[in-house]
Protein backbone atom coordinates (compact mmCIF):
# COMPACT_ATOMS: atom_id res chain seq x y z
CA MET A 1 98.97 76.15 75.99
CA ASN A 2 98.78 79.90 77.02
CA GLU A 3 98.38 82.60 74.29
CA VAL A 4 99.20 86.47 73.60
CA VAL A 5 96.50 88.00 71.67
CA ILE A 6 96.99 90.56 69.60
CA GLN A 7 94.60 92.61 67.64
CA ASP A 8 95.85 94.39 64.37
CA ALA A 9 94.24 95.30 61.17
CA ASP A 10 93.98 92.26 59.93
CA GLY A 11 92.11 90.82 62.75
CA LEU A 12 92.88 88.80 66.26
CA HIS A 13 96.09 87.21 66.43
CA THR A 14 97.80 84.84 68.98
CA ILE A 15 101.15 83.69 69.83
CA PRO A 16 101.98 81.11 72.37
CA VAL A 17 103.60 81.98 75.60
CA GLU A 18 105.21 80.56 78.39
CA ILE A 19 103.76 82.15 81.81
CA VAL A 20 105.54 82.99 84.90
CA PRO A 21 103.30 84.07 87.90
CA ALA A 22 103.69 87.80 88.40
CA ALA A 23 104.13 89.19 91.83
CA ALA A 24 101.01 90.23 93.27
CA SER A 25 102.51 93.85 93.93
CA GLU A 26 102.73 94.45 90.26
CA ALA A 27 100.90 97.16 89.15
CA ALA A 28 101.17 98.79 85.15
CA ALA A 29 101.50 102.29 84.85
CA ALA A 30 98.52 104.53 84.14
CA SER A 31 99.47 106.89 81.08
CA GLU A 32 102.50 107.67 79.25
CA ASP A 33 103.15 109.90 76.47
CA LEU A 34 105.59 109.27 73.15
CA ARG A 35 106.92 111.31 70.77
CA VAL A 36 106.96 109.30 67.20
CA LEU A 37 108.16 110.87 63.73
CA VAL A 38 105.90 109.49 60.70
CA SER A 39 107.21 105.82 59.11
CA GLU A 40 109.92 105.51 62.14
CA PRO A 41 109.71 102.43 63.57
CA PHE A 42 108.94 102.35 67.27
CA GLU A 43 108.85 99.57 69.93
CA VAL A 44 106.14 99.41 73.17
CA ARG A 45 106.91 96.76 75.16
CA GLU A 46 104.92 94.69 78.17
CA SER A 47 106.10 91.64 80.62
CA ALA A 48 104.58 88.70 79.62
CA SER A 49 104.17 87.47 82.97
CA VAL A 50 100.80 86.65 83.50
CA PRO A 51 98.58 84.42 86.15
CA PRO A 52 97.12 81.22 85.19
CA ALA A 53 94.41 81.60 82.64
CA GLY A 54 95.40 84.97 81.97
CA SER A 55 96.22 87.20 79.02
CA VAL A 56 97.70 90.19 77.34
CA SER A 57 96.03 92.37 74.89
CA ILE A 58 96.50 95.55 72.74
CA ASN A 59 94.14 97.68 71.10
CA TYR A 60 95.19 100.71 68.47
CA ASP A 61 94.22 102.67 65.44
CA SER A 62 95.17 100.98 62.54
CA SER A 63 94.03 104.47 60.30
CA PHE A 64 97.24 106.18 62.71
CA LEU A 65 99.54 102.95 63.47
CA LEU A 66 100.93 100.10 61.36
CA LEU A 67 101.92 96.90 63.57
CA GLU A 68 105.31 95.58 61.74
CA THR A 69 106.16 93.22 64.45
CA ALA A 70 105.06 91.25 67.13
CA GLY A 71 106.78 88.51 69.46
CA ILE A 72 107.66 87.41 72.93
CA GLU A 73 111.93 88.46 73.67
CA ASN A 74 114.19 87.78 76.80
CA PRO A 75 115.81 91.25 77.05
CA THR A 76 117.73 89.69 80.44
CA MET A 77 118.13 86.49 79.59
CA HIS A 78 116.21 85.37 82.46
CA ASP A 79 112.73 84.45 83.41
CA ASP A 80 111.60 88.14 82.55
CA LEU A 81 109.92 87.73 79.27
CA GLU A 82 108.73 90.36 77.45
CA ILE A 83 105.82 90.92 74.79
CA ALA A 84 107.99 93.64 72.03
CA TRP A 85 105.32 95.53 69.39
CA THR A 86 106.92 97.24 66.97
CA PHE A 87 104.63 99.99 64.87
CA LYS A 88 105.28 102.85 62.46
CA GLY A 89 103.41 106.07 62.71
CA ILE A 90 101.28 106.30 58.88
CA GLN A 91 100.04 109.53 59.21
CA ALA A 92 100.78 112.58 61.78
CA GLY A 93 98.46 113.15 64.63
CA ARG A 94 97.52 111.75 67.99
CA THR A 95 96.34 108.36 68.91
CA THR A 96 96.00 105.70 71.96
CA ILE A 97 97.53 102.51 72.86
CA THR A 98 95.94 100.63 74.86
CA ILE A 99 97.62 97.63 76.59
CA ILE A 100 94.97 94.95 78.50
CA THR A 101 96.73 92.35 81.25
CA ARG A 102 93.83 89.89 82.45
CA GLY A 103 94.10 87.68 85.80
CA GLY A 104 92.78 84.39 85.37
CA ILE A 105 91.70 82.36 87.87
CA ALA A 106 92.51 85.68 89.89
CA THR A 107 89.99 88.22 88.30
CA PHE A 108 91.86 91.58 87.67
CA VAL A 109 91.78 93.77 84.54
CA ALA A 110 95.31 96.17 84.54
CA MET A 111 95.24 98.70 81.63
CA ARG A 112 98.36 100.58 80.44
CA THR A 113 97.50 103.79 77.83
CA ILE A 114 100.50 104.90 75.92
CA GLU A 115 98.94 108.48 74.05
CA VAL A 116 101.00 108.61 71.11
CA GLU A 117 101.49 112.12 69.22
CA ILE A 118 103.23 110.94 65.31
CA VAL A 119 104.33 114.06 64.16
CA VAL A 120 106.42 115.26 61.00
CA LEU A 121 109.84 116.62 60.68
CA ALA A 122 109.69 119.87 59.16
CA LYS A 123 112.52 120.40 56.24
């Protein structure tokens, strides 16, 4: 059985996934920026396609972000499975979400960094 490892304030959790071989030319984005409102949910997605014995993990600061849901989705109804994490900002400030994809037999590590700015809407 293949699994995705998710880490949140309560520790590590595993979710079973179906493995679909990734194309060798695929590479994760180096860095992204998001601006979100405090208390409003937002979603982060990553491909669930990893090589055999590979894994996907996510790291974030639980003092800024609350993980509301996490799961495997198939948005295109094809073989393109995605991991979808829904977060809510719990205080204003800047934080980082890091998604790490590790290859199994073909050893590699790809990191995707998302810089998140959590803001309060002025009245």
